[in-house]
Amino acid sequence: MKIQILPLVTGAQKATGLTVIIDVFRAFSLEAYMYASGAKKVIPVKTVEDALALKEKNPSYILVGERKGIKVEGFDYGNSPSEFVGVDLSGKTLIHTTSAGVLGLASAVNASQIVTGALVNAKATAKYILEQKSRGCINCTNGMGRKDRDRRGCLMCRLSKGSIRKIVRLMTYTKEWIF
């Protein structure tokens, strides 16, 4: 398995093959919680304007998103999983936009498959990637800071099946690994 690390939205735009878009803060943890709460579909969109246009065509859809960490004015929810505690989303369609993770997800136009990565789904994400046995790209949409490196390291640890040698290599800023 060959994996490339491509940072930020520009990296998502370059990603090909099986692509994992990682948001270490909230976006993809939230999407996991929305599906766990019964959501039928979550539609990622790049911009607030795209979200509002889609909502206008589909008034029953729920608007979820943030800009600079703040709930977008006029949206039903922000981007925090805590806002969805006890919320029944059975059969609902949600429109989701964020300034990092979802933007990266919507920007991965050259990927053949896209998987979201968050701490809440790291085990399932790693399992899925290993089952595919293909080339892939890991994209950290929030940059290459410590939290992003830690999150990427968590996923890489699962992919390398705990090999200390591989984990040490994967926790560095190296751009490409082969398993």
C-alpha atoms as a PDB file:
ATOM      1  CA  MET A   1       0.000   0.000   0.000  1.00  0.00           C
ATOM      2  CA  LYS A   2       1.388   3.400  -0.951  1.00  0.00           C
ATOM      3  CA  ILE A   3       0.174   6.403   1.042  1.00  0.00           C
ATOM      4  CA  GLN A   4       0.856  10.080   0.369  1.00  0.00           C
ATOM      5  CA  ILE A   5       0.307  12.865   2.898  1.00  0.00           C
ATOM      6  CA  LEU A   6      -1.191  15.912   1.185  1.00  0.00           C
ATOM      7  CA  PRO A   7      -1.972  18.844   3.502  1.00  0.00           C
ATOM      8  CA  LEU A   8      -4.788  21.380   3.403  1.00  0.00           C
ATOM      9  CA  VAL A   9      -7.381  21.979   0.686  1.00  0.00           C
ATOM     10  CA  THR A  10      -4.696  22.174  -2.010  1.00  0.00           C
ATOM     11  CA  GLY A  11      -3.694  18.652  -1.026  1.00  0.00           C
ATOM     12  CA  ALA A  12      -7.296  17.475  -1.275  1.00  0.00           C
ATOM     13  CA  GLN A  13      -7.457  18.904  -4.789  1.00  0.00           C
ATOM     14  CA  LYS A  14      -4.378  16.847  -5.774  1.00  0.00           C
ATOM     15  CA  ALA A  15      -5.482  13.622  -4.069  1.00  0.00           C
ATOM     16  CA  THR A  16      -6.114  10.584  -6.257  1.00  0.00           C
ATOM     17  CA  GLY A  17      -7.190   7.011  -5.614  1.00  0.00           C
ATOM     18  CA  LEU A  18      -8.647   6.138  -2.235  1.00  0.00           C
ATOM     19  CA  THR A  19      -8.515   9.408  -0.310  1.00  0.00           C
ATOM     20  CA  VAL A  20      -8.986   9.937   3.419  1.00  0.00           C
ATOM     21  CA  ILE A  21      -9.915  13.488   4.345  1.00  0.00           C
ATOM     22  CA  ILE A  22      -9.066  14.071   8.002  1.00  0.00           C
ATOM     23  CA  ASP A  23     -10.475  16.822  10.163  1.00  0.00           C
ATOM     24  CA  VAL A  24      -9.084  16.546  13.668  1.00  0.00           C
ATOM     25  CA  PHE A  25     -11.489  18.968  15.240  1.00  0.00           C
ATOM     26  CA  ARG A  26     -15.193  18.513  14.568  1.00  0.00           C
ATOM     27  CA  ALA A  27     -16.482  18.068  11.016  1.00  0.00           C
ATOM     28  CA  PHE A  28     -16.195  14.322  10.602  1.00  0.00           C
ATOM     29  CA  SER A  29     -16.846  13.455  14.223  1.00  0.00           C
ATOM     30  CA  LEU A  30     -20.060  15.395  13.766  1.00  0.00           C
ATOM     31  CA  GLU A  31     -20.931  13.543  10.559  1.00  0.00           C
ATOM     32  CA  ALA A  32     -20.433  10.207  12.339  1.00  0.00           C
ATOM     33  CA  TYR A  33     -22.766  11.383  15.114  1.00  0.00           C
ATOM     34  CA  MET A  34     -25.341  12.631  12.603  1.00  0.00           C
ATOM     35  CA  TYR A  35     -25.466   9.216  10.937  1.00  0.00           C
ATOM     36  CA  ALA A  36     -25.608   7.538  14.358  1.00  0.00           C
ATOM     37  CA  SER A  37     -28.621   9.755  15.119  1.00  0.00           C
ATOM     38  CA  GLY A  38     -30.427   8.386  12.071  1.00  0.00           C
ATOM     39  CA  ALA A  39     -29.527  10.851   9.295  1.00  0.00           C
ATOM     40  CA  LYS A  40     -30.453   9.472   5.879  1.00  0.00           C
ATOM     41  CA  LYS A  41     -27.891  11.567   4.035  1.00  0.00           C
ATOM     42  CA  VAL A  42     -25.279  14.254   4.704  1.00  0.00           C
ATOM     43  CA  ILE A  43     -24.443  16.440   1.713  1.00  0.00           C
ATOM     44  CA  PRO A  44     -21.036  18.194   1.954  1.00  0.00           C
ATOM     45  CA  VAL A  45     -20.832  21.551   0.168  1.00  0.00           C
ATOM     46  CA  LYS A  46     -17.946  23.998  -0.215  1.00  0.00           C
ATOM     47  CA  THR A  47     -19.654  27.301   0.468  1.00  0.00           C
ATOM     48  CA  VAL A  48     -22.386  28.855   2.565  1.00  0.00           C
ATOM     49  CA  GLU A  49     -23.949  30.074  -0.685  1.00  0.00           C
ATOM     50  CA  ASP A  50     -24.043  26.504  -2.044  1.00  0.00           C
ATOM     51  CA  ALA A  51     -25.690  25.344   1.182  1.00  0.00           C
ATOM     52  CA  LEU A  52     -28.330  28.059   1.072  1.00  0.00           C
ATOM     53  CA  ALA A  53     -29.101  27.404  -2.609  1.00  0.00           C
ATOM     54  CA  LEU A  54     -29.549  23.691  -1.929  1.00  0.00           C
ATOM     55  CA  LYS A  55     -31.777  24.465   1.066  1.00  0.00           C
ATOM     56  CA  GLU A  56     -33.909  26.785  -1.068  1.00  0.00           C
ATOM     57  CA  LYS A  57     -34.555  23.913  -3.498  1.00  0.00           C
ATOM     58  CA  ASN A  58     -35.137  21.448  -0.623  1.00  0.00           C
ATOM     59  CA  PRO A  59     -36.804  23.235   2.312  1.00  0.00           C
ATOM     60  CA  SER A  60     -36.919  20.094   4.466  1.00  0.00           C
ATOM     61  CA  TYR A  61     -33.115  19.754   4.465  1.00  0.00           C
ATOM     62  CA  ILE A  62     -31.277  20.797   7.621  1.00  0.00           C
ATOM     63  CA  LEU A  63     -28.430  23.341   7.420  1.00  0.00           C
ATOM     64  CA  VAL A  64     -25.305  22.538   9.462  1.00  0.00           C
ATOM     65  CA  GLY A  65     -22.058  24.477   9.384  1.00  0.00           C
ATOM     66  CA  GLU A  66     -19.564  27.031  10.570  1.00  0.00           C
ATOM     67  CA  ARG A  67     -17.150  29.657   9.430  1.00  0.00           C
ATOM     68  CA  LYS A  68     -14.148  30.398  11.642  1.00  0.00           C
ATOM     69  CA  GLY A  69     -15.677  28.099  14.276  1.00  0.00           C
ATOM     70  CA  ILE A  70     -18.922  30.062  14.556  1.00  0.00           C
ATOM     71  CA  LYS A  71     -22.352  28.786  13.502  1.00  0.00           C
ATOM     72  CA  VAL A  72     -23.406  30.353  10.218  1.00  0.00           C
ATOM     73  CA  GLU A  73     -26.235  32.837  10.656  1.00  0.00           C
ATOM     74  CA  GLY A  74     -29.528  31.311   9.517  1.00  0.00           C
ATOM     75  CA  PHE A  75     -28.279  27.728   9.822  1.00  0.00           C
ATOM     76  CA  ASP A  76     -30.101  25.194  11.992  1.00  0.00           C
ATOM     77  CA  TYR A  77     -26.938  23.954  13.706  1.00  0.00           C
ATOM     78  CA  GLY A  78     -23.275  24.806  14.026  1.00  0.00           C
ATOM     79  CA  ASN A  79     -20.493  22.241  13.737  1.00  0.00           C
ATOM     80  CA  SER A  80     -20.377  20.800  17.247  1.00  0.00           C
ATOM     81  CA  PRO A  81     -21.333  17.208  18.032  1.00  0.00           C
ATOM     82  CA  SER A  82     -22.710  18.427  21.382  1.00  0.00           C
ATOM     83  CA  GLU A  83     -25.492  20.252  19.514  1.00  0.00           C
ATOM     84  CA  PHE A  84     -26.822  16.887  18.344  1.00  0.00           C
ATOM     85  CA  VAL A  85     -27.035  15.091  21.687  1.00  0.00           C
ATOM     86  CA  GLY A  86     -30.539  13.663  21.900  1.00  0.00           C
ATOM     87  CA  VAL A  87     -31.533  14.966  18.448  1.00  0.00           C
ATOM     88  CA  ASP A  88     -33.453  12.452  16.322  1.00  0.00           C
ATOM     89  CA  LEU A  89     -32.368  12.799  12.693  1.00  0.00           C
ATOM     90  CA  SER A  90     -34.194   9.711  11.447  1.00  0.00           C
ATOM     91  CA  GLY A  91     -34.704   9.947   7.707  1.00  0.00           C
ATOM     92  CA  LYS A  92     -33.389  13.519   7.514  1.00  0.00           C
ATOM     93  CA  THR A  93     -31.031  14.985   4.942  1.00  0.00           C
ATOM     94  CA  LEU A  94     -28.450  17.468   6.193  1.00  0.00           C
ATOM     95  CA  ILE A  95     -26.369  19.986   4.257  1.00  0.00           C
ATOM     96  CA  HIS A  96     -22.933  20.394   5.875  1.00  0.00           C
ATOM     97  CA  THR A  97     -20.315  23.085   5.234  1.00  0.00           C
ATOM     98  CA  THR A  98     -17.203  23.979   7.226  1.00  0.00           C
ATOM     99  CA  SER A  99     -14.127  26.104   6.706  1.00  0.00           C
ATOM    100  CA  ALA A 100     -11.755  23.116   6.714  1.00  0.00           C
ATOM    101  CA  GLY A 101     -12.845  19.468   6.720  1.00  0.00           C
ATOM    102  CA  VAL A 102     -15.946  19.619   4.562  1.00  0.00           C
ATOM    103  CA  LEU A 103     -14.212  22.084   2.235  1.00  0.00           C
ATOM    104  CA  GLY A 104     -11.428  19.522   1.827  1.00  0.00           C
ATOM    105  CA  LEU A 105     -13.964  16.753   1.272  1.00  0.00           C
ATOM    106  CA  ALA A 106     -15.762  18.723  -1.436  1.00  0.00           C
ATOM    107  CA  SER A 107     -12.408  19.628  -3.027  1.00  0.00           C
ATOM    108  CA  ALA A 108     -11.188  16.046  -3.521  1.00  0.00           C
ATOM    109  CA  VAL A 109     -12.506  15.955  -7.073  1.00  0.00           C
ATOM    110  CA  ASN A 110      -9.785  13.623  -8.436  1.00  0.00           C
ATOM    111  CA  ALA A 111     -10.241  10.906  -5.818  1.00  0.00           C
ATOM    112  CA  SER A 112     -11.762   7.606  -6.891  1.00  0.00           C
ATOM    113  CA  GLN A 113     -13.060   6.993  -3.344  1.00  0.00           C
ATOM    114  CA  ILE A 114     -13.334   9.366  -0.402  1.00  0.00           C
ATOM    115  CA  VAL A 115     -13.420   8.352   3.251  1.00  0.00           C
ATOM    116  CA  THR A 116     -13.637  10.759   6.166  1.00  0.00           C
ATOM    117  CA  GLY A 117     -11.269  10.441   9.107  1.00  0.00           C
ATOM    118  CA  ALA A 118     -11.890  11.432  12.708  1.00  0.00           C
ATOM    119  CA  LEU A 119     -10.928   9.992  16.070  1.00  0.00           C
ATOM    120  CA  VAL A 120     -14.400   8.483  16.457  1.00  0.00           C
ATOM    121  CA  ASN A 121     -14.054   6.441  13.269  1.00  0.00           C
ATOM    122  CA  ALA A 122     -10.279   5.791  13.122  1.00  0.00           C
ATOM    123  CA  LYS A 123     -10.591   2.031  13.593  1.00  0.00           C
ATOM    124  CA  ALA A 124     -13.282   1.674  10.927  1.00  0.00           C
ATOM    125  CA  THR A 125     -11.387   3.979   8.551  1.00  0.00           C
ATOM    126  CA  ALA A 126      -8.143   2.014   8.936  1.00  0.00           C
ATOM    127  CA  LYS A 127      -9.977  -1.292   8.502  1.00  0.00           C
ATOM    128  CA  TYR A 128     -11.615  -0.062   5.312  1.00  0.00           C
ATOM    129  CA  ILE A 129      -8.322   1.240   3.863  1.00  0.00           C
ATOM    130  CA  LEU A 130      -6.533  -2.041   4.602  1.00  0.00           C
ATOM    131  CA  GLU A 131      -9.335  -4.015   2.939  1.00  0.00           C
ATOM    132  CA  GLN A 132      -8.930  -1.966  -0.257  1.00  0.00           C
ATOM    133  CA  LYS A 133      -5.204  -2.756  -0.716  1.00  0.00           C
ATOM    134  CA  SER A 134      -4.758   0.207  -3.036  1.00  0.00           C
ATOM    135  CA  ARG A 135      -2.879   3.479  -3.472  1.00  0.00           C
ATOM    136  CA  GLY A 136      -4.156   6.225  -1.291  1.00  0.00           C
ATOM    137  CA  CYS A 137      -3.816   9.769  -0.061  1.00  0.00           C
ATOM    138  CA  ILE A 138      -4.212  11.023   3.489  1.00  0.00           C
ATOM    139  CA  ASN A 139      -5.347  14.633   3.616  1.00  0.00           C
ATOM    140  CA  CYS A 140      -5.261  16.690   6.823  1.00  0.00           C
ATOM    141  CA  THR A 141      -7.445  19.677   6.073  1.00  0.00           C
ATOM    142  CA  ASN A 142      -6.496  21.617   9.196  1.00  0.00           C
ATOM    143  CA  GLY A 143      -2.813  21.842   8.373  1.00  0.00           C
ATOM    144  CA  MET A 144       0.216  20.062   9.679  1.00  0.00           C
ATOM    145  CA  GLY A 145       0.144  21.106  13.316  1.00  0.00           C
ATOM    146  CA  ARG A 146       0.594  18.820  16.309  1.00  0.00           C
ATOM    147  CA  LYS A 147      -3.061  17.752  16.529  1.00  0.00           C
ATOM    148  CA  ASP A 148      -3.136  16.912  12.833  1.00  0.00           C
ATOM    149  CA  ARG A 149       0.087  14.923  13.152  1.00  0.00           C
ATOM    150  CA  ASP A 150      -1.330  13.092  16.173  1.00  0.00           C
ATOM    151  CA  ARG A 151      -4.557  12.264  14.335  1.00  0.00           C
ATOM    152  CA  ARG A 152      -2.687  11.135  11.234  1.00  0.00           C
ATOM    153  CA  GLY A 153      -0.404   9.120  13.500  1.00  0.00           C
ATOM    154  CA  CYS A 154      -3.400   7.407  15.096  1.00  0.00           C
ATOM    155  CA  LEU A 155      -4.659   6.326  11.673  1.00  0.00           C
ATOM    156  CA  MET A 156      -1.174   5.357  10.499  1.00  0.00           C
ATOM    157  CA  CYS A 157      -0.638   3.300  13.656  1.00  0.00           C
ATOM    158  CA  ARG A 158      -3.774   1.344  12.858  1.00  0.00           C
ATOM    159  CA  LEU A 159      -2.707   0.916   9.228  1.00  0.00           C
ATOM    160  CA  SER A 160       0.766  -0.302  10.184  1.00  0.00           C
ATOM    161  CA  LYS A 161      -0.788  -2.747  12.671  1.00  0.00           C
ATOM    162  CA  GLY A 162       1.297  -1.372  15.512  1.00  0.00           C
ATOM    163  CA  SER A 163       4.781  -1.860  14.057  1.00  0.00           C
ATOM    164  CA  ILE A 164       7.031   0.443  16.125  1.00  0.00           C
ATOM    165  CA  ARG A 165       9.394   1.019  13.196  1.00  0.00           C
ATOM    166  CA  LYS A 166       6.520   2.038  10.915  1.00  0.00           C
ATOM    167  CA  ILE A 167       4.816   4.182  13.554  1.00  0.00           C
ATOM    168  CA  VAL A 168       8.001   6.193  14.169  1.00  0.00           C
ATOM    169  CA  ARG A 169       8.383   6.768  10.420  1.00  0.00           C
ATOM    170  CA  LEU A 170       4.722   7.661  10.017  1.00  0.00           C
ATOM    171  CA  MET A 171       4.740  10.225  12.807  1.00  0.00           C
ATOM    172  CA  THR A 172       7.333  12.296  10.965  1.00  0.00           C
ATOM    173  CA  TYR A 173       6.606  14.793   8.219  1.00  0.00           C
ATOM    174  CA  THR A 174       7.648  12.358   5.494  1.00  0.00           C
ATOM    175  CA  LYS A 175       5.343  12.726   2.494  1.00  0.00           C
ATOM    176  CA  GLU A 176       5.020   9.116   1.343  1.00  0.00           C
ATOM    177  CA  TRP A 177       5.085   5.573   2.725  1.00  0.00           C
ATOM    178  CA  ILE A 178       4.720   2.127   1.266  1.00  0.00           C
ATOM    179  CA  PHE A 179       3.243  -0.727   3.312  1.00  0.00           C
END
